[in-house]
Protein backbone atom coordinates (compact mmCIF):
# COMPACT_ATOMS: atom_id res chain seq x y z
CA MET A 1 -3.34 11.33 -12.67
CA SER A 2 -5.55 11.09 -15.75
CA LEU A 3 -4.67 9.40 -19.03
CA LYS A 4 -4.06 12.70 -20.80
CA ASP A 5 -1.27 13.44 -18.31
CA ARG A 6 0.44 10.10 -18.84
CA LYS A 7 3.23 9.39 -21.29
CA PHE A 8 2.28 6.45 -23.48
CA ASP A 9 4.85 3.75 -24.19
CA HIS A 10 4.20 2.85 -27.81
CA GLU A 11 6.76 0.04 -27.67
CA MET A 12 4.46 -2.01 -25.43
CA ASP A 13 2.28 -4.60 -27.14
CA ASP A 14 -0.46 -4.61 -24.50
CA PHE A 15 -2.97 -1.78 -24.74
CA HIS A 16 -3.24 -1.19 -21.00
CA LEU A 17 0.51 -1.33 -20.36
CA ALA A 18 1.15 1.12 -23.19
CA MET A 19 -1.04 3.61 -21.33
CA GLY A 20 0.66 2.92 -18.02
CA ILE A 21 -2.26 0.90 -16.62
CA SER A 22 -1.13 -1.86 -14.26
CA GLU A 23 -2.39 -5.44 -14.44
CA GLU A 24 -4.14 -4.96 -11.11
CA THR A 25 -5.96 -1.83 -12.26
CA LYS A 26 -6.96 -3.51 -15.51
CA THR A 27 -8.38 -6.47 -13.58
CA ILE A 28 -10.34 -4.29 -11.16
CA CYS A 29 -11.86 -2.26 -14.00
CA ARG A 30 -12.86 -5.34 -15.97
CA GLU A 31 -14.34 -7.15 -12.99
CA ARG A 32 -16.27 -4.06 -11.97
CA ILE A 33 -17.91 -4.06 -15.41
CA PHE A 34 -18.88 -7.71 -15.08
CA PHE A 35 -20.11 -7.16 -11.52
CA SER A 36 -22.31 -4.15 -12.27
CA THR A 37 -23.84 -5.72 -15.38
CA PHE A 38 -24.63 -9.03 -13.70
CA SER A 39 -25.89 -7.30 -10.55
CA ASN A 40 -28.42 -5.30 -12.54
CA SER A 41 -29.70 -8.35 -14.40
CA LEU A 42 -29.88 -10.57 -11.33
CA GLN A 43 -31.63 -8.01 -9.15
CA ALA A 44 -34.14 -7.22 -11.88
CA GLU A 45 -35.00 -10.94 -12.01
CA GLU A 46 -35.29 -11.11 -8.23
CA LEU A 47 -37.43 -8.01 -7.80
CA PHE A 48 -39.79 -8.31 -10.78
CA ASP A 49 -41.76 -11.27 -12.13
CA ASP A 50 -41.74 -9.72 -15.58
CA MET A 51 -38.55 -8.08 -16.81
CA GLU A 52 -40.65 -5.56 -18.72
CA ASP A 53 -41.86 -4.24 -15.35
CA ALA A 54 -38.31 -3.57 -14.17
CA PRO A 55 -37.07 0.04 -14.42
CA LYS A 56 -34.86 0.64 -17.44
CA ALA A 57 -32.00 1.40 -15.05
CA PHE A 58 -31.88 -2.38 -14.47
CA ARG A 59 -32.07 -3.52 -18.10
CA THR A 60 -30.30 -1.06 -20.38
CA VAL A 61 -26.70 -0.36 -21.31
CA THR A 62 -26.92 3.10 -19.76
CA GLY A 63 -28.38 1.57 -16.61
CA ASP A 64 -25.39 -0.77 -16.32
CA LEU A 65 -23.05 2.14 -16.99
CA GLU A 66 -24.71 4.34 -14.37
CA ARG A 67 -24.35 1.66 -11.72
CA LEU A 68 -20.76 1.07 -12.77
CA ILE A 69 -19.53 4.66 -12.60
CA SER A 70 -21.22 5.15 -9.22
CA MET A 71 -18.73 2.60 -7.86
CA ILE A 72 -15.58 4.34 -9.14
CA THR A 73 -13.60 6.95 -7.20
CA ASN A 74 -10.20 6.72 -8.91
CA PRO A 75 -9.95 9.06 -11.97
CA LEU A 76 -7.61 6.70 -13.84
CA GLU A 77 -9.89 3.72 -13.25
CA TYR A 78 -12.82 5.84 -14.41
CA GLU A 79 -11.18 6.68 -17.73
CA TYR A 80 -9.89 3.17 -18.44
CA THR A 81 -13.26 1.67 -17.53
CA LEU A 82 -15.02 3.88 -20.06
CA LEU A 83 -12.56 2.75 -22.74
CA THR A 84 -13.33 -0.93 -22.17
CA PHE A 85 -16.93 -0.82 -20.95
CA MET A 86 -18.79 -1.78 -24.14
CA MET A 87 -16.61 -4.80 -24.88
CA PHE A 88 -17.03 -6.42 -21.47
CA GLN A 89 -20.62 -5.31 -20.98
CA ARG A 90 -21.58 -7.05 -24.24
CA MET A 91 -19.73 -10.18 -23.15
CA ALA A 92 -21.61 -10.15 -19.86
CA LYS A 93 -25.02 -9.71 -21.51
CA GLU A 94 -24.38 -12.54 -23.97
CA VAL A 95 -23.26 -14.87 -21.19
CA TYR A 96 -26.21 -13.93 -18.98
CA ILE A 97 -28.61 -15.09 -21.71
CA MET A 98 -26.75 -18.43 -21.81
CA TYR A 99 -26.95 -18.60 -18.01
CA LYS A 100 -30.72 -18.14 -18.06
CA ASN A 101 -31.17 -20.78 -20.77
CA THR A 102 -29.15 -23.36 -18.85
CA ASN A 103 -30.80 -22.69 -15.48
CA GLU A 104 -34.49 -22.96 -16.36
CA ASP A 105 -36.35 -25.41 -14.13
CA SER A 106 -39.20 -26.42 -16.42
CA ALA A 107 -39.27 -30.08 -17.46
CA GLU A 108 -39.65 -29.26 -21.15
CA SER A 109 -36.36 -27.33 -21.09
CA ARG A 110 -34.37 -30.28 -19.71
CA GLU A 111 -33.35 -31.58 -23.13
CA GLN A 112 -32.26 -28.09 -24.16
CA GLN A 113 -30.20 -27.78 -20.98
CA ILE A 114 -28.38 -31.02 -21.76
CA LYS A 115 -27.66 -29.87 -25.31
CA MET A 116 -26.37 -26.54 -24.02
CA GLN A 117 -24.08 -28.23 -21.49
CA ILE A 118 -22.64 -30.53 -24.14
CA LEU A 119 -22.17 -27.59 -26.50
CA LYS A 120 -20.41 -25.62 -23.76
CA GLY A 121 -18.04 -28.54 -23.21
CA ILE A 122 -17.25 -28.82 -26.91
CA LEU A 123 -16.73 -25.06 -27.23
CA LYS A 124 -14.43 -25.08 -24.24
CA LEU A 125 -12.27 -27.83 -25.73
CA LYS A 126 -12.16 -25.99 -29.05
CA GLU A 127 -11.21 -22.76 -27.31
CA LEU A 128 -8.35 -24.45 -25.46
CA LYS A 129 -7.16 -26.10 -28.69
CA ASP A 130 -7.26 -22.79 -30.58
CA ARG A 131 -5.30 -21.05 -27.85
CA GLN A 132 -2.67 -23.77 -27.78
CA GLU A 133 -2.27 -23.58 -31.56
CA ALA A 134 -1.99 -19.79 -31.36
CA GLY A 135 0.50 -20.04 -28.49
CA GLU A 136 -1.78 -18.04 -26.21
CA ASP A 137 -2.15 -18.31 -22.45
CA SER A 138 -5.72 -18.49 -21.12
CA ASN A 139 -4.83 -16.40 -18.07
CA ASP A 140 -3.56 -12.89 -17.42
CA GLU A 141 0.18 -13.07 -16.99
CA ASP A 142 0.42 -11.32 -13.65
CA THR A 143 -2.94 -11.67 -11.96
CA GLY A 144 -3.82 -15.12 -13.26
CA VAL A 145 -7.48 -14.11 -13.62
CA GLU A 146 -9.10 -16.02 -16.45
CA VAL A 147 -11.11 -13.69 -18.66
CA TYR A 148 -12.40 -14.67 -22.04
CA SER A 149 -13.87 -18.13 -21.60
CA LYS A 150 -17.67 -17.94 -21.57
CA GLU A 151 -17.61 -20.66 -18.94
CA SER A 152 -15.45 -18.55 -16.63
CA ILE A 153 -17.57 -15.44 -17.23
CA MET A 154 -20.76 -17.39 -16.52
CA ASN A 155 -19.31 -18.60 -13.25
CA ARG A 156 -18.88 -14.97 -12.21
CA ILE A 157 -22.69 -14.72 -12.07
CA LYS A 158 -22.67 -17.20 -9.19
CA LEU A 159 -19.93 -15.21 -7.48
CA VAL A 160 -21.94 -11.99 -7.75
CA LYS A 161 -24.82 -13.71 -5.96
CA LYS A 162 -22.48 -15.29 -3.41
CA SER A 163 -20.94 -11.90 -2.63
CA GLY A 164 -24.32 -10.46 -1.68
CA TYR A 165 -23.79 -7.79 -4.34
CA ASN A 166 -20.66 -6.51 -2.60
CA PHE A 167 -17.90 -5.75 -5.11
CA ASP A 168 -14.97 -6.15 -2.70
CA LYS A 169 -16.21 -9.61 -1.68
CA TYR A 170 -16.86 -10.49 -5.30
CA LEU A 171 -13.35 -9.50 -6.39
CA LEU A 172 -11.84 -11.60 -3.61
CA LEU A 173 -13.97 -14.59 -4.64
CA VAL A 174 -12.86 -14.23 -8.27
CA LYS A 175 -9.18 -14.16 -7.32
CA ASN A 176 -9.47 -17.00 -4.81
CA GLN A 177 -11.34 -19.17 -7.28
CA ASN A 178 -8.78 -18.51 -9.96
CA ASP A 179 -5.97 -19.49 -7.59
CA GLU A 180 -7.72 -22.82 -7.06
CA SER A 181 -8.31 -23.23 -10.79
CA PHE A 182 -4.65 -22.49 -11.50
CA ARG A 183 -3.54 -25.21 -9.06
CA THR A 184 -5.76 -27.76 -10.83
CA LYS A 185 -5.15 -26.49 -14.35
CA GLY A 186 -4.08 -29.91 -15.59
CA SER A 187 -7.59 -31.27 -14.98
CA ASP A 188 -9.47 -28.21 -16.17
CA PHE A 189 -12.06 -30.10 -18.22
CA ASP A 190 -13.34 -33.62 -17.75
CA ILE A 191 -16.19 -35.09 -19.80
CA ASN A 192 -17.11 -37.40 -16.92
CA ASP A 193 -17.51 -34.42 -14.60
CA LEU A 194 -19.69 -32.74 -17.21
CA LEU A 195 -22.00 -35.73 -17.60
CA SER A 196 -22.13 -36.29 -13.87
CA GLY A 197 -23.23 -32.71 -13.35
CA LEU A 198 -25.87 -33.03 -16.05
CA PHE A 199 -27.61 -36.10 -14.71
CA SER A 200 -27.16 -35.63 -10.96
CA LYS A 201 -30.39 -33.56 -10.89
CA ASP A 202 -32.31 -36.52 -12.28
CA ASP A 203 -31.33 -38.59 -9.26
CA ASP A 204 -32.79 -36.11 -6.75
């Protein structure tokens, strides 16, 4: 059934629920956008020394979209994905730039990496504080999949690589990781862990 055949519930506050889109469907559509965008960027880096040499299918918005829609078979998921594609694709691209900046190996970039890690920690604390003041929950109510933190989105890049570019495996990794994060929510951020992670490379 397509969206045009659905009866909207205008009393619902959530956009997806008002259209009759379940939490599970919303999560799958969102994660598919993240997966396809990160997959294109990662594989372009792996296959080409210079990004300018990579085909535009790997490095453009339409390239990300083409890869994305090739993965969809459900008409409802197709329509809802198109409605939300630009928002999450832009998030993914912004976070991927941060990921590249914090994972450079050159010695001269080490100071910049440390600054970025500290900034990420400060931003994460601020984000948590803002959400608490606004009375917001950082997780989806039903699925428990954390979405909007740049830290959590950046971690999805590692999961894409770990999945071997397989979306089903990736989705399972995202949900399993979030279950673990939910169990340890009380210790979500620790400055000592942050500093330990920063300087452990110097001891190698």
